[in-house]
Amino acid sequence: MPERLKDIFFTEESLNKFGDNIQKYYPEFVRDKFLSLVFDERWDSRELKEKMRHVTICLGQTLPENFAEALEILKKIAPVVKGFEAMVLPDFVDLYGLEEWDLSLPALAYFTKFSSSEFAIRPFLARDPQRAMAYMLKLAGDENENVRRFASEGCRPRLPWAKALPEFKKDPAPILPILEKLKDDESEFVRRSVANNLNDISKDHPDLALDICERWYGKSEKTDWIVKHACRSLLKAGNKRALLLFGHGDPAAMSVAKLKLEKKITVIGEDLRFSFQLVNAGKKAAKLRLEYAIDYKKASGKTSRKIFKISENHYRPGEHFFSRKHSFADMSTRKHYPGKHRLSILVNGEEKASVTFEVKKPVN
């Protein structure tokens, strides 16, 4: 079984070092009190984000009550704090600084140079989107790539593991000036965030996202990469407009034959092996996006589909053989459950063939 994230980070060793760093810049800090508050009777049962917030609360109980004074101490240790402990610094602003915007926003911009403030900015965006986004747009012109990336990443409508921004999901218009400003950024780190933000937008506003993508596509290698990465959800969903943008044609002349499984029963921890033939019955080569989907059985009994890319290429008329394997080993991001599953082959987003198979627990 893979080691859980909550057991890897916020260890006794790393938190002791964290306390030592604070004590260097704040001699009145009682490290032992801080650690005794952190390692309470519920510590081991907390999940990763709960542990982070708990450490932040314990920090609030052991730093000066005055927010400005506490912030100055945290700014001094920011360059030397590593790992998830560094995320506690912007989280401190999230928890204690929501009424101190003039101090909090510059602090988040500073902390993000060393870790990331993308989660901590969310409450500010929710409370006063106009004011917060005006500051984020300003940060999009910062000389530091981490700060510029923060300007885009922090306002993503669907940022994973973050507080929701329902107003931005409903109307992403405030985000667009930041994306326009960063679309040709010299840093791939920043451009990837732009693409992820635009991909988020595409899930609620596909036509708006495609309007932007069609305007950007073909302008430069940088924007071409952003557009391709931003359209990944639309391509997986078989959006015709997105497929046409990248030269994918109508898959009507395509079929999938001889879809076979090596075994009809797959044991958790083993690989599912399968093969099939792609048949182009047309008269000329066609650019195709070839994928497979697995409908996983969940613990609830319902199914959840995940799509995996096989290739994206031009295929001449005739038959093309493919053989693949897919791991059913448990991971920290996916746990497998016994029951009926389904494998499907998709061509330009259209399902062309499918087969069901059984997943079983290993015999001890």
Protein backbone atom coordinates (compact mmCIF):
# COMPACT_ATOMS: atom_id res chain seq x y z
CA MET A 1 0.00 0.00 0.00
CA PRO A 2 1.48 3.41 -0.98
CA GLU A 3 2.41 5.70 1.88
CA ARG A 4 -0.28 8.28 2.59
CA LEU A 5 0.52 11.96 2.06
CA LYS A 6 -0.63 12.83 5.56
CA ASP A 7 2.05 10.48 6.93
CA ILE A 8 4.83 11.89 4.71
CA PHE A 9 4.40 15.59 5.51
CA PHE A 10 4.19 17.44 8.84
CA THR A 11 6.44 14.92 10.54
CA GLU A 12 7.89 15.34 14.03
CA GLU A 13 11.29 16.09 12.50
CA SER A 14 10.00 18.71 10.04
CA LEU A 15 7.85 20.48 12.64
CA ASN A 16 10.75 20.57 15.10
CA LYS A 17 12.82 22.26 12.41
CA PHE A 18 9.93 24.61 11.68
CA GLY A 19 9.83 25.59 15.35
CA ASP A 20 13.61 26.11 15.40
CA ASN A 21 13.37 28.49 12.43
CA ILE A 22 10.72 30.58 14.16
CA GLN A 23 12.75 30.72 17.36
CA LYS A 24 15.75 32.13 15.45
CA TYR A 25 13.77 35.23 14.49
CA TYR A 26 11.43 35.35 17.48
CA PRO A 27 13.36 34.37 20.64
CA GLU A 28 10.21 34.63 22.78
CA PHE A 29 8.68 31.76 20.82
CA VAL A 30 8.13 28.74 23.10
CA ARG A 31 8.84 25.90 20.73
CA ASP A 32 7.94 23.14 23.18
CA LYS A 33 4.53 24.70 23.82
CA PHE A 34 3.93 24.96 20.08
CA LEU A 35 4.86 21.29 19.54
CA SER A 36 2.73 20.09 22.46
CA LEU A 37 -0.25 21.95 20.98
CA VAL A 38 0.41 20.45 17.55
CA PHE A 39 0.81 16.83 18.64
CA ASP A 40 -2.48 16.51 20.50
CA GLU A 41 -4.57 13.35 20.87
CA ARG A 42 -6.23 13.85 17.45
CA TRP A 43 -3.07 14.53 15.45
CA ASP A 44 -2.67 11.09 13.85
CA SER A 45 -6.31 10.93 12.73
CA ARG A 46 -6.23 14.24 10.86
CA GLU A 47 -5.97 14.36 7.07
CA LEU A 48 -3.29 16.45 5.35
CA LYS A 49 -5.23 19.70 5.01
CA GLU A 50 -6.61 19.32 8.54
CA LYS A 51 -3.06 18.97 9.81
CA MET A 52 -2.02 22.12 7.98
CA ARG A 53 -4.89 24.13 9.44
CA HIS A 54 -4.23 22.70 12.92
CA VAL A 55 -0.56 23.77 12.72
CA THR A 56 -1.73 27.23 11.65
CA ILE A 57 -4.04 27.48 14.68
CA CYS A 58 -1.24 26.38 17.01
CA LEU A 59 0.97 29.02 15.43
CA GLY A 60 -1.68 31.61 16.11
CA GLN A 61 -1.65 30.58 19.79
CA THR A 62 2.13 30.97 20.11
CA LEU A 63 2.97 34.02 17.96
CA PRO A 64 2.17 37.62 18.93
CA GLU A 65 -1.55 38.39 18.97
CA ASN A 66 -0.95 41.44 16.79
CA PHE A 67 -1.35 40.27 13.19
CA ALA A 68 1.23 42.70 11.77
CA GLU A 69 3.87 41.57 14.27
CA ALA A 70 3.18 37.90 13.62
CA LEU A 71 3.34 38.51 9.87
CA GLU A 72 6.80 40.10 10.10
CA ILE A 73 8.12 37.00 11.87
CA LEU A 74 6.64 34.70 9.23
CA LYS A 75 8.12 36.82 6.43
CA LYS A 76 11.58 36.36 7.95
CA ILE A 77 11.33 32.58 8.03
CA ALA A 78 9.66 32.23 4.60
CA PRO A 79 12.93 31.85 2.61
CA VAL A 80 14.14 28.96 4.78
CA VAL A 81 10.94 26.98 5.42
CA LYS A 82 10.46 24.03 3.08
CA GLY A 83 7.82 21.42 2.32
CA PHE A 84 4.24 21.61 3.50
CA GLU A 85 5.29 23.68 6.50
CA ALA A 86 5.79 26.54 4.02
CA MET A 87 2.09 26.31 3.14
CA VAL A 88 1.26 27.21 6.75
CA LEU A 89 2.49 30.78 6.16
CA PRO A 90 -0.13 31.76 3.54
CA ASP A 91 -2.68 29.70 5.48
CA PHE A 92 -1.97 31.96 8.48
CA VAL A 93 -2.99 34.92 6.31
CA ASP A 94 -6.12 33.07 5.18
CA LEU A 95 -7.13 32.36 8.78
CA TYR A 96 -6.17 35.58 10.56
CA GLY A 97 -5.80 38.25 7.87
CA LEU A 98 -9.16 38.54 6.16
CA GLU A 99 -9.81 41.92 7.83
CA GLU A 100 -6.29 43.21 7.08
CA TRP A 101 -6.20 43.44 3.29
CA ASP A 102 -3.42 46.02 3.08
CA LEU A 103 -1.14 43.67 5.00
CA SER A 104 -2.49 40.36 3.76
CA LEU A 105 -2.39 40.72 -0.02
CA PRO A 106 1.28 41.81 -0.17
CA ALA A 107 2.12 39.03 2.30
CA LEU A 108 0.50 36.42 0.06
CA ALA A 109 2.43 37.78 -2.93
CA TYR A 110 5.64 37.46 -0.91
CA PHE A 111 4.95 33.97 0.49
CA THR A 112 4.09 32.60 -2.95
CA LYS A 113 7.70 33.17 -4.03
CA PHE A 114 8.73 30.34 -1.69
CA SER A 115 5.68 28.03 -1.63
CA SER A 116 2.24 28.88 -3.01
CA SER A 117 -0.54 31.19 -1.90
CA GLU A 118 -3.07 29.86 -4.40
CA PHE A 119 -5.34 28.39 -1.72
CA ALA A 120 -5.05 31.29 0.73
CA ILE A 121 -6.21 33.95 -1.76
CA ARG A 122 -9.58 32.24 -2.29
CA PRO A 123 -11.41 33.76 0.72
CA PHE A 124 -10.32 37.24 -0.40
CA LEU A 125 -11.59 36.55 -3.93
CA ALA A 126 -14.89 35.32 -2.53
CA ARG A 127 -15.36 38.32 -0.23
CA ASP A 128 -14.49 41.13 -2.67
CA PRO A 129 -13.74 39.79 -6.17
CA GLN A 130 -13.24 43.20 -7.75
CA ARG A 131 -10.67 44.37 -5.23
CA ALA A 132 -8.83 41.06 -5.09
CA MET A 133 -8.73 40.64 -8.88
CA ALA A 134 -7.40 44.15 -9.36
CA TYR A 135 -4.46 43.14 -7.17
CA MET A 136 -4.02 39.83 -8.97
CA LEU A 137 -3.92 41.62 -12.33
CA LYS A 138 -1.17 43.81 -10.96
CA LEU A 139 0.76 40.71 -9.86
CA ALA A 140 0.52 39.30 -13.40
CA GLY A 141 3.18 41.87 -14.31
CA ASP A 142 5.58 40.94 -11.50
CA GLU A 143 9.20 40.08 -12.34
CA ASN A 144 9.02 36.83 -10.31
CA GLU A 145 7.54 33.88 -12.24
CA ASN A 146 6.07 32.35 -9.07
CA VAL A 147 4.14 35.54 -8.44
CA ARG A 148 2.91 35.73 -12.04
CA ARG A 149 1.84 32.10 -11.87
CA PHE A 150 -0.01 32.84 -8.61
CA ALA A 151 -2.01 35.55 -10.42
CA SER A 152 -3.47 32.88 -12.71
CA GLU A 153 -3.50 29.82 -10.46
CA GLY A 154 -5.16 31.55 -7.51
CA CYS A 155 -8.25 32.55 -9.48
CA ARG A 156 -8.85 29.23 -11.26
CA PRO A 157 -12.61 28.55 -11.02
CA ARG A 158 -12.06 24.85 -10.33
CA LEU A 159 -8.70 24.78 -8.55
CA PRO A 160 -8.32 21.23 -7.12
CA TRP A 161 -8.50 20.87 -3.32
CA ALA A 162 -9.35 24.55 -2.96
CA LYS A 163 -12.36 26.54 -1.79
CA ALA A 164 -14.91 26.97 -4.55
CA LEU A 165 -15.37 30.26 -6.39
CA PRO A 166 -18.98 29.93 -7.59
CA GLU A 167 -19.09 33.50 -8.91
CA PHE A 168 -16.12 32.82 -11.19
CA LYS A 169 -17.64 29.54 -12.36
CA LYS A 170 -20.79 31.48 -13.22
CA ASP A 171 -18.96 34.39 -14.87
CA PRO A 172 -15.21 34.04 -15.56
CA ALA A 173 -14.96 37.49 -17.18
CA PRO A 174 -12.76 38.95 -14.37
CA ILE A 175 -10.17 36.22 -15.05
CA LEU A 176 -9.72 36.91 -18.75
CA PRO A 177 -7.50 40.04 -18.54
CA ILE A 178 -5.00 38.04 -16.44
CA LEU A 179 -4.92 35.20 -18.98
CA GLU A 180 -4.47 37.66 -21.84
CA LYS A 181 -1.58 39.30 -20.01
CA LEU A 182 0.16 35.98 -19.34
CA LYS A 183 -0.51 34.02 -22.53
CA ASP A 184 2.92 34.82 -23.99
CA ASP A 185 4.80 34.62 -20.70
CA GLU A 186 8.41 33.48 -21.02
CA SER A 187 7.91 30.93 -18.22
CA GLU A 188 6.38 27.53 -19.03
CA PHE A 189 5.40 27.32 -15.35
CA VAL A 190 3.20 30.39 -15.83
CA ARG A 191 1.82 29.31 -19.22
CA ARG A 192 0.81 25.93 -17.79
CA SER A 193 -1.29 27.72 -15.19
CA VAL A 194 -2.92 29.82 -17.93
CA ALA A 195 -3.81 26.61 -19.77
CA ASN A 196 -5.19 24.99 -16.62
CA ASN A 197 -7.27 28.06 -15.85
CA LEU A 198 -8.69 28.10 -19.37
CA ASN A 199 -9.39 24.37 -19.11
CA ASP A 200 -11.37 25.08 -15.92
CA ILE A 201 -13.36 27.73 -17.75
CA SER A 202 -14.08 25.32 -20.62
CA LYS A 203 -15.97 22.99 -18.28
CA ASP A 204 -18.62 25.63 -17.57
CA HIS A 205 -18.30 27.87 -20.63
CA PRO A 206 -17.01 25.77 -23.56
CA ASP A 207 -17.91 28.29 -26.25
CA LEU A 208 -16.20 31.16 -24.42
CA ALA A 209 -13.06 29.05 -23.93
CA LEU A 210 -13.10 28.05 -27.60
CA ASP A 211 -13.54 31.66 -28.70
CA ILE A 212 -10.30 32.44 -26.84
CA CYS A 213 -8.52 29.33 -28.10
CA GLU A 214 -9.44 30.02 -31.73
CA ARG A 215 -8.16 33.59 -31.38
CA TRP A 216 -4.86 32.48 -29.79
CA TYR A 217 -4.18 29.39 -31.93
CA GLY A 218 -1.57 29.90 -34.61
CA LYS A 219 -0.19 33.11 -33.10
CA SER A 220 2.94 31.57 -31.54
CA GLU A 221 4.37 28.30 -30.27
CA LYS A 222 3.63 29.46 -26.73
CA THR A 223 -0.04 30.09 -27.31
CA ASP A 224 -0.39 26.94 -29.44
CA TRP A 225 0.85 24.87 -26.50
CA ILE A 226 -1.52 26.67 -24.10
CA VAL A 227 -4.50 26.12 -26.41
CA LYS A 228 -3.78 22.40 -26.83
CA HIS A 229 -3.42 21.89 -23.09
CA ALA A 230 -6.46 24.05 -22.34
CA CYS A 231 -8.66 22.03 -24.71
CA ARG A 232 -7.85 18.64 -23.19
CA SER A 233 -11.22 18.26 -21.43
CA LEU A 234 -13.12 19.37 -24.53
CA LEU A 235 -11.13 16.92 -26.67
CA LYS A 236 -11.78 14.09 -24.25
CA ALA A 237 -15.48 14.95 -24.33
CA GLY A 238 -15.44 14.77 -28.13
CA ASN A 239 -16.33 18.44 -28.60
CA LYS A 240 -16.58 18.83 -32.38
CA ARG A 241 -15.46 22.46 -32.41
CA ALA A 242 -12.34 21.62 -30.38
CA LEU A 243 -11.54 18.64 -32.58
CA LEU A 244 -11.88 20.73 -35.74
CA LEU A 245 -9.54 23.36 -34.26
CA PHE A 246 -6.74 20.77 -34.29
CA GLY A 247 -7.60 19.32 -37.68
CA HIS A 248 -9.48 16.24 -36.50
CA GLY A 249 -12.09 15.13 -38.99
CA ASP A 250 -15.40 13.32 -38.80
CA PRO A 251 -14.77 9.79 -37.45
CA ALA A 252 -17.74 8.36 -39.38
CA ALA A 253 -15.46 6.31 -41.66
CA MET A 254 -13.55 4.90 -38.68
CA SER A 255 -14.37 1.71 -36.80
CA VAL A 256 -12.78 -0.49 -34.17
CA ALA A 257 -12.63 -4.25 -34.70
CA LYS A 258 -11.41 -7.28 -32.77
CA LEU A 259 -11.35 -5.62 -29.33
CA LYS A 260 -9.99 -8.38 -27.10
CA LEU A 261 -8.98 -8.75 -23.48
CA GLU A 262 -6.12 -11.05 -22.52
CA LYS A 263 -8.23 -12.15 -19.54
CA LYS A 264 -11.86 -11.44 -18.65
CA ILE A 265 -10.99 -11.24 -14.95
CA THR A 266 -8.48 -8.69 -13.67
CA VAL A 267 -7.16 -8.90 -10.12
CA ILE A 268 -6.55 -5.68 -8.20
CA GLY A 269 -2.81 -5.04 -8.33
CA GLU A 270 -2.40 -6.58 -11.80
CA ASP A 271 -2.57 -5.18 -15.36
CA LEU A 272 -5.48 -5.26 -17.76
CA ARG A 273 -4.10 -6.13 -21.21
CA PHE A 274 -6.12 -5.51 -24.35
CA SER A 275 -5.76 -5.22 -28.12
CA PHE A 276 -7.84 -3.97 -31.04
CA GLN A 277 -7.75 -2.89 -34.67
CA LEU A 278 -8.50 0.62 -35.87
CA VAL A 279 -10.07 0.50 -39.33
CA ASN A 280 -10.00 3.54 -41.61
CA ALA A 281 -12.55 2.74 -44.31
CA GLY A 282 -12.10 6.11 -45.97
CA LYS A 283 -10.10 6.94 -49.08
CA LYS A 284 -7.49 9.18 -47.45
CA ALA A 285 -5.52 9.57 -44.27
CA ALA A 286 -7.34 11.10 -41.31
CA LYS A 287 -6.03 12.84 -38.22
CA LEU A 288 -7.40 10.95 -35.25
CA ARG A 289 -7.35 11.24 -31.50
CA LEU A 290 -7.41 7.69 -30.17
CA GLU A 291 -8.31 7.05 -26.52
CA TYR A 292 -9.65 4.36 -24.23
CA ALA A 293 -12.10 4.85 -21.39
CA ILE A 294 -12.61 2.75 -18.30
CA ASP A 295 -15.85 2.88 -16.36
CA TYR A 296 -14.65 2.10 -12.84
CA LYS A 297 -16.93 0.54 -10.27
CA LYS A 298 -16.86 2.72 -7.15
CA ALA A 299 -17.41 1.76 -3.51
CA SER A 300 -20.97 3.11 -3.77
CA GLY A 301 -21.76 0.74 -6.63
CA LYS A 302 -21.92 3.57 -9.17
CA THR A 303 -19.44 3.93 -12.02
CA SER A 304 -16.98 6.71 -12.81
CA ARG A 305 -15.41 7.11 -16.25
CA LYS A 306 -11.75 7.97 -16.79
CA ILE A 307 -10.29 8.55 -20.25
CA PHE A 308 -6.71 7.77 -21.25
CA LYS A 309 -4.92 8.86 -24.42
CA ILE A 310 -3.48 6.24 -26.78
CA SER A 311 -2.27 8.40 -29.67
CA GLU A 312 -2.93 11.43 -31.83
CA ASN A 313 -1.76 10.90 -35.38
CA HIS A 314 -2.66 10.61 -39.04
CA TYR A 315 -3.86 7.13 -40.04
CA ARG A 316 -3.97 5.96 -43.63
CA PRO A 317 -6.81 3.83 -45.02
CA GLY A 318 -6.67 0.26 -43.80
CA GLU A 319 -6.20 -1.57 -40.49
CA HIS A 320 -3.95 -0.47 -37.64
CA PHE A 321 -3.21 -2.81 -34.72
CA PHE A 322 -2.87 -1.63 -31.12
CA SER A 323 -1.95 -3.44 -27.92
CA ARG A 324 -2.00 -1.78 -24.51
CA LYS A 325 -1.96 -2.52 -20.79
CA HIS A 326 -3.59 -0.62 -17.94
CA SER A 327 -2.59 -0.95 -14.30
CA PHE A 328 -5.16 -1.82 -11.65
CA ALA A 329 -2.71 -1.27 -8.81
CA ASP A 330 -4.10 0.88 -6.01
CA MET A 331 -2.59 4.37 -5.78
CA SER A 332 -2.99 7.30 -3.45
CA THR A 333 -5.14 8.97 -6.13
CA ARG A 334 -7.22 5.94 -7.12
CA LYS A 335 -8.51 2.93 -5.23
CA HIS A 336 -10.02 -0.01 -7.07
CA TYR A 337 -13.12 -1.97 -6.12
CA PRO A 338 -14.33 -5.39 -7.23
CA GLY A 339 -17.20 -5.67 -9.69
CA LYS A 340 -18.04 -5.23 -13.36
CA HIS A 341 -16.02 -2.65 -15.27
CA ARG A 342 -16.18 -1.51 -18.87
CA LEU A 343 -13.45 -0.71 -21.41
CA SER A 344 -14.32 1.46 -24.43
CA ILE A 345 -12.28 2.63 -27.42
CA LEU A 346 -12.89 6.23 -28.50
CA VAL A 347 -12.05 7.77 -31.88
CA ASN A 348 -12.23 11.57 -31.95
CA GLY A 349 -14.42 11.39 -28.87
CA GLU A 350 -16.85 8.83 -30.33
CA GLU A 351 -17.19 5.41 -28.71
CA LYS A 352 -16.53 2.76 -31.35
CA ALA A 353 -16.30 -0.48 -29.34
CA SER A 354 -16.56 -1.67 -25.77
CA VAL A 355 -16.24 -4.76 -23.63
CA THR A 356 -17.03 -5.56 -19.99
CA PHE A 357 -14.74 -7.38 -17.58
CA GLU A 358 -14.65 -8.39 -13.94
CA VAL A 359 -12.32 -6.97 -11.31
CA LYS A 360 -11.67 -9.10 -8.23
CA LYS A 361 -9.77 -8.78 -5.00
CA PRO A 362 -6.50 -10.70 -4.77
CA VAL A 363 -6.62 -14.01 -2.93
CA ASN A 364 -4.61 -13.74 0.31
